[in-house]
Amino acid sequence: MRYAVLGTGVVGRTIAAKLASLGHEVVIGTRDPKATLARTEPDGYGNPPFSNWLAGNEQVRLETFADAAAWGESVVNTTAGVGTLQALDAAGAANLASKILIDIANPLDFSHGMPPSLTPVNTDSLGEQIQRAFPEVKVVKTLNTMNCQIMVEPARVAGEHTVFVSGDDTDAKKAVTGLLVSFGWPETAVIDLGTIETARSTEMLLPIWLRLWDTLGHADFNFHIAGAPSGA
């Protein structure tokens, strides 16, 4: 499978590396590849510049959002939520049409400092905004309720824990569930919440996730829904 991962941050890098390790062809999309490669300073979280990461992951290519989206058979959105719709506009509706778009982003608003708030929230979600803006895309919201290392290595958290999927297209959710299983998630850990409207609920887990991160002092934790039916 050819995957276009949109976003060059730590989440995009982690997802891209995992997909490549599983034998998929992977391209990462960014707004301006030359500018991305020219950065020499660590990002705001202390991660090394993207060019360093790319040098150690030569099987992954860097392209513009549009070229990556056109090439990929499926698309993974790992852009910052505040810039997601602009990034997808740059990718191009025609390049995204009829494809599965796995949305991992959260609509975090840092305009008033830390901790961030959510925009939108309660009556809307980023997942829904994407689906409305790109009606021909099969949007599946998943993996946005945990640290990116756990996304691709669920065994980092001992015991049973849960990953959610939301989306309007049943077959797309089944395909994404299969991908999650290939990442190491037991199928019984995947809970299909229903339509893309349910992305509101998973995005609204972020405030408590951020508080837990601060309280625990690490990000190797996840939510577990006890009593979930087998195969949920």
Protein backbone atom coordinates (compact mmCIF):
# COMPACT_ATOMS: atom_id res chain seq x y z
CA MET A 1 0.00 0.00 0.00
CA ARG A 2 1.16 3.54 -0.75
CA TYR A 3 0.63 5.90 2.20
CA ALA A 4 0.89 9.67 2.16
CA VAL A 5 1.56 10.97 5.66
CA LEU A 6 0.80 14.69 5.91
CA GLY A 7 2.90 16.44 8.53
CA THR A 8 6.59 16.30 9.43
CA GLY A 9 6.32 16.50 13.23
CA VAL A 10 7.04 13.68 15.64
CA VAL A 11 3.65 12.02 15.04
CA GLY A 12 4.12 12.02 11.28
CA ARG A 13 7.65 10.70 11.61
CA THR A 14 6.58 7.92 13.97
CA ILE A 15 3.67 6.81 11.79
CA ALA A 16 5.75 6.99 8.60
CA ALA A 17 8.57 4.92 10.09
CA LYS A 18 6.11 2.28 11.31
CA LEU A 19 4.37 2.03 7.94
CA ALA A 20 7.71 1.71 6.17
CA SER A 21 8.85 -0.99 8.61
CA LEU A 22 5.74 -2.98 7.68
CA GLY A 23 6.68 -2.88 4.01
CA HIS A 24 4.43 -0.06 2.84
CA GLU A 25 5.63 2.64 0.49
CA VAL A 26 5.58 5.98 2.30
CA VAL A 27 5.80 9.63 1.35
CA ILE A 28 5.62 12.49 3.86
CA GLY A 29 3.92 15.67 2.72
CA THR A 30 4.82 19.19 3.78
CA ARG A 31 3.94 22.68 2.56
CA ASP A 32 7.45 23.58 1.36
CA PRO A 33 9.96 20.70 1.20
CA LYS A 34 12.95 23.00 0.70
CA ALA A 35 12.05 25.05 3.77
CA THR A 36 11.44 21.90 5.81
CA LEU A 37 14.83 20.47 4.89
CA ALA A 38 16.57 23.79 5.52
CA ARG A 39 15.61 23.87 9.21
CA THR A 40 18.57 23.15 11.47
CA GLU A 41 17.12 23.82 14.94
CA PRO A 42 15.19 21.33 17.09
CA ASP A 43 11.42 21.80 17.11
CA GLY A 44 9.45 23.17 20.05
CA TYR A 45 9.53 19.78 21.75
CA GLY A 46 13.28 19.32 21.37
CA ASN A 47 13.09 16.84 18.49
CA PRO A 48 15.93 17.04 15.96
CA PRO A 49 15.27 18.77 12.63
CA PHE A 50 13.38 16.78 10.03
CA SER A 51 16.41 16.51 7.75
CA ASN A 52 18.21 14.48 10.43
CA TRP A 53 15.28 12.08 10.71
CA LEU A 54 14.94 11.74 6.94
CA ALA A 55 18.64 10.88 6.60
CA GLY A 56 18.03 7.87 8.85
CA ASN A 57 14.84 6.85 7.04
CA GLU A 58 15.92 6.87 3.41
CA GLN A 59 13.01 4.67 2.36
CA VAL A 60 10.65 7.60 3.04
CA ARG A 61 10.42 10.49 0.56
CA LEU A 62 9.48 14.11 1.19
CA GLU A 63 7.06 15.83 -1.18
CA THR A 64 4.61 18.72 -1.22
CA PHE A 65 1.18 18.10 0.29
CA ALA A 66 -0.32 17.95 -3.22
CA ASP A 67 2.24 15.54 -4.67
CA ALA A 68 2.09 13.30 -1.62
CA ALA A 69 -1.71 13.16 -1.66
CA ALA A 70 -1.81 12.46 -5.38
CA TRP A 71 0.66 9.59 -5.01
CA GLY A 72 -0.79 7.94 -1.92
CA GLU A 73 -3.51 5.32 -2.04
CA SER A 74 -4.41 6.24 1.54
CA VAL A 75 -3.64 9.41 3.48
CA VAL A 76 -2.75 9.94 7.14
CA ASN A 77 -3.28 13.40 8.62
CA THR A 78 -0.78 14.18 11.36
CA THR A 79 -0.72 17.96 10.88
CA ALA A 80 -1.38 20.32 13.78
CA GLY A 81 -5.13 20.62 14.12
CA VAL A 82 -5.11 24.40 13.77
CA GLY A 83 -3.59 24.04 10.30
CA THR A 84 -5.23 20.82 9.13
CA LEU A 85 -7.86 22.27 6.80
CA GLN A 86 -5.30 24.55 5.15
CA ALA A 87 -2.95 21.60 4.69
CA LEU A 88 -5.72 19.51 3.14
CA ASP A 89 -6.67 22.41 0.87
CA ALA A 90 -3.05 22.47 -0.27
CA ALA A 91 -3.18 18.70 -0.80
CA GLY A 92 -6.14 19.23 -3.13
CA ALA A 93 -9.64 17.80 -3.09
CA ALA A 94 -9.08 15.96 -6.36
CA ASN A 95 -5.96 14.26 -4.97
CA LEU A 96 -7.86 13.14 -1.85
CA ALA A 97 -11.16 12.11 -3.45
CA SER A 98 -12.38 8.55 -2.77
CA LYS A 99 -9.37 7.79 -0.55
CA ILE A 100 -9.33 6.80 3.11
CA LEU A 101 -8.02 9.65 5.23
CA ILE A 102 -6.89 8.55 8.69
CA ASP A 103 -7.20 11.62 10.90
CA ILE A 104 -4.92 11.56 13.96
CA ALA A 105 -4.91 15.32 14.57
CA ASN A 106 -6.48 17.16 17.51
CA PRO A 107 -7.83 20.74 17.36
CA LEU A 108 -5.61 22.11 20.13
CA ASP A 109 -5.75 25.88 20.60
CA PHE A 110 -2.60 27.33 22.22
CA SER A 111 -3.62 30.97 21.73
CA HIS A 112 -4.17 31.44 25.47
CA GLY A 113 -1.13 29.46 26.57
CA MET A 114 -0.94 26.15 28.40
CA PRO A 115 -2.84 23.98 28.80
CA PRO A 116 -4.43 24.35 25.37
CA SER A 117 -8.18 24.42 24.81
CA LEU A 118 -10.09 22.80 21.95
CA THR A 119 -11.47 24.58 18.89
CA PRO A 120 -13.95 23.29 17.77
CA VAL A 121 -15.48 21.49 20.76
CA ASN A 122 -18.79 20.11 22.08
CA THR A 123 -20.98 20.61 18.99
CA ASP A 124 -18.36 19.94 16.30
CA SER A 125 -15.00 18.27 15.79
CA LEU A 126 -12.01 18.49 13.52
CA GLY A 127 -12.93 15.09 12.09
CA GLU A 128 -16.36 16.39 11.11
CA GLN A 129 -14.90 19.58 9.65
CA ILE A 130 -12.64 17.52 7.42
CA GLN A 131 -15.53 15.31 6.29
CA ARG A 132 -17.71 18.34 5.47
CA ALA A 133 -14.92 20.11 3.61
CA PHE A 134 -14.01 16.99 1.63
CA PRO A 135 -17.23 14.98 1.22
CA GLU A 136 -15.68 12.52 -1.24
CA VAL A 137 -13.01 11.50 1.28
CA LYS A 138 -13.55 8.56 3.66
CA VAL A 139 -12.47 10.12 6.96
CA VAL A 140 -11.64 7.78 9.86
CA LYS A 141 -10.68 9.33 13.19
CA THR A 142 -8.38 7.16 15.29
CA LEU A 143 -5.20 7.06 17.42
CA ASN A 144 -5.67 10.66 18.60
CA THR A 145 -6.11 9.71 22.28
CA MET A 146 -2.56 8.58 23.05
CA ASN A 147 1.14 9.33 22.65
CA CYS A 148 2.50 8.58 19.19
CA GLN A 149 4.89 5.89 20.47
CA ILE A 150 1.92 3.93 21.83
CA MET A 151 0.08 4.35 18.52
CA VAL A 152 2.63 2.12 16.82
CA GLU A 153 3.77 0.06 19.83
CA PRO A 154 0.76 -0.60 22.07
CA ALA A 155 2.79 -3.05 24.18
CA ARG A 156 4.50 -0.02 25.78
CA VAL A 157 1.43 0.04 28.05
CA ALA A 158 0.98 -3.12 30.11
CA GLY A 159 -2.33 -4.92 30.04
CA GLU A 160 -5.43 -4.21 28.01
CA HIS A 161 -6.13 -0.74 26.65
CA THR A 162 -8.29 0.79 23.99
CA VAL A 163 -8.14 2.53 20.61
CA PHE A 164 -11.23 4.14 19.08
CA VAL A 165 -12.37 4.56 15.48
CA SER A 166 -15.01 6.97 14.18
CA GLY A 167 -16.23 7.40 10.61
CA ASP A 168 -19.16 7.26 8.25
CA ASP A 169 -17.80 4.58 5.91
CA THR A 170 -17.98 1.07 7.36
CA ASP A 171 -15.52 -0.46 4.90
CA ALA A 172 -13.02 2.33 5.54
CA LYS A 173 -13.21 1.68 9.29
CA LYS A 174 -12.65 -2.03 8.68
CA ALA A 175 -9.56 -1.24 6.59
CA VAL A 176 -8.20 1.08 9.27
CA THR A 177 -8.89 -1.54 11.94
CA GLY A 178 -6.79 -3.95 9.90
CA LEU A 179 -3.98 -1.42 9.86
CA LEU A 180 -4.25 -0.99 13.63
CA VAL A 181 -3.98 -4.76 14.06
CA SER A 182 -0.81 -4.70 11.95
CA PHE A 183 0.54 -2.05 14.35
CA GLY A 184 0.09 -4.55 17.19
CA TRP A 185 -3.39 -3.68 18.46
CA PRO A 186 -5.57 -6.70 19.30
CA GLU A 187 -8.80 -6.48 17.34
CA THR A 188 -10.69 -6.67 20.64
CA ALA A 189 -8.98 -3.43 21.71
CA VAL A 190 -10.57 -1.51 18.83
CA ILE A 191 -13.92 0.13 19.64
CA ASP A 192 -15.95 1.48 16.73
CA LEU A 193 -17.82 4.45 18.19
CA GLY A 194 -19.96 5.04 15.11
CA THR A 195 -20.18 7.94 12.68
CA ILE A 196 -17.66 10.73 12.30
CA GLU A 197 -19.75 12.81 14.72
CA THR A 198 -18.35 10.64 17.50
CA ALA A 199 -14.92 12.16 16.85
CA ARG A 200 -16.15 14.93 19.18
CA SER A 201 -15.87 12.55 22.11
CA THR A 202 -12.36 11.32 21.39
CA GLU A 203 -11.05 14.81 20.69
CA MET A 204 -12.52 15.91 24.03
CA LEU A 205 -10.39 13.32 25.81
CA LEU A 206 -7.35 15.52 25.15
CA PRO A 207 -7.79 17.86 28.14
CA ILE A 208 -7.73 14.96 30.61
CA TRP A 209 -4.92 13.29 28.67
CA LEU A 210 -2.82 16.44 29.02
CA ARG A 211 -3.55 16.63 32.76
CA LEU A 212 -2.55 12.98 33.18
CA TRP A 213 0.68 13.57 31.28
CA ASP A 214 1.52 16.43 33.61
CA THR A 215 0.54 14.47 36.74
CA LEU A 216 2.27 11.20 35.82
CA GLY A 217 5.35 12.83 34.36
CA HIS A 218 5.40 10.54 31.31
CA ALA A 219 3.23 9.63 28.32
CA ASP A 220 3.32 5.82 28.49
CA PHE A 221 -0.33 5.45 29.46
CA ASN A 222 -3.64 4.98 27.69
CA PHE A 223 -7.35 4.64 28.34
CA HIS A 224 -8.92 1.22 28.91
CA ILE A 225 -12.66 0.70 28.58
CA ALA A 226 -13.38 -2.13 31.02
CA GLY A 227 -16.28 -4.40 30.23
CA ALA A 228 -16.21 -3.73 26.50
CA PRO A 229 -17.77 -6.67 24.61
CA SER A 230 -15.39 -9.01 22.87
CA GLY A 231 -14.80 -7.84 19.32
CA ALA A 232 -16.26 -4.39 19.97
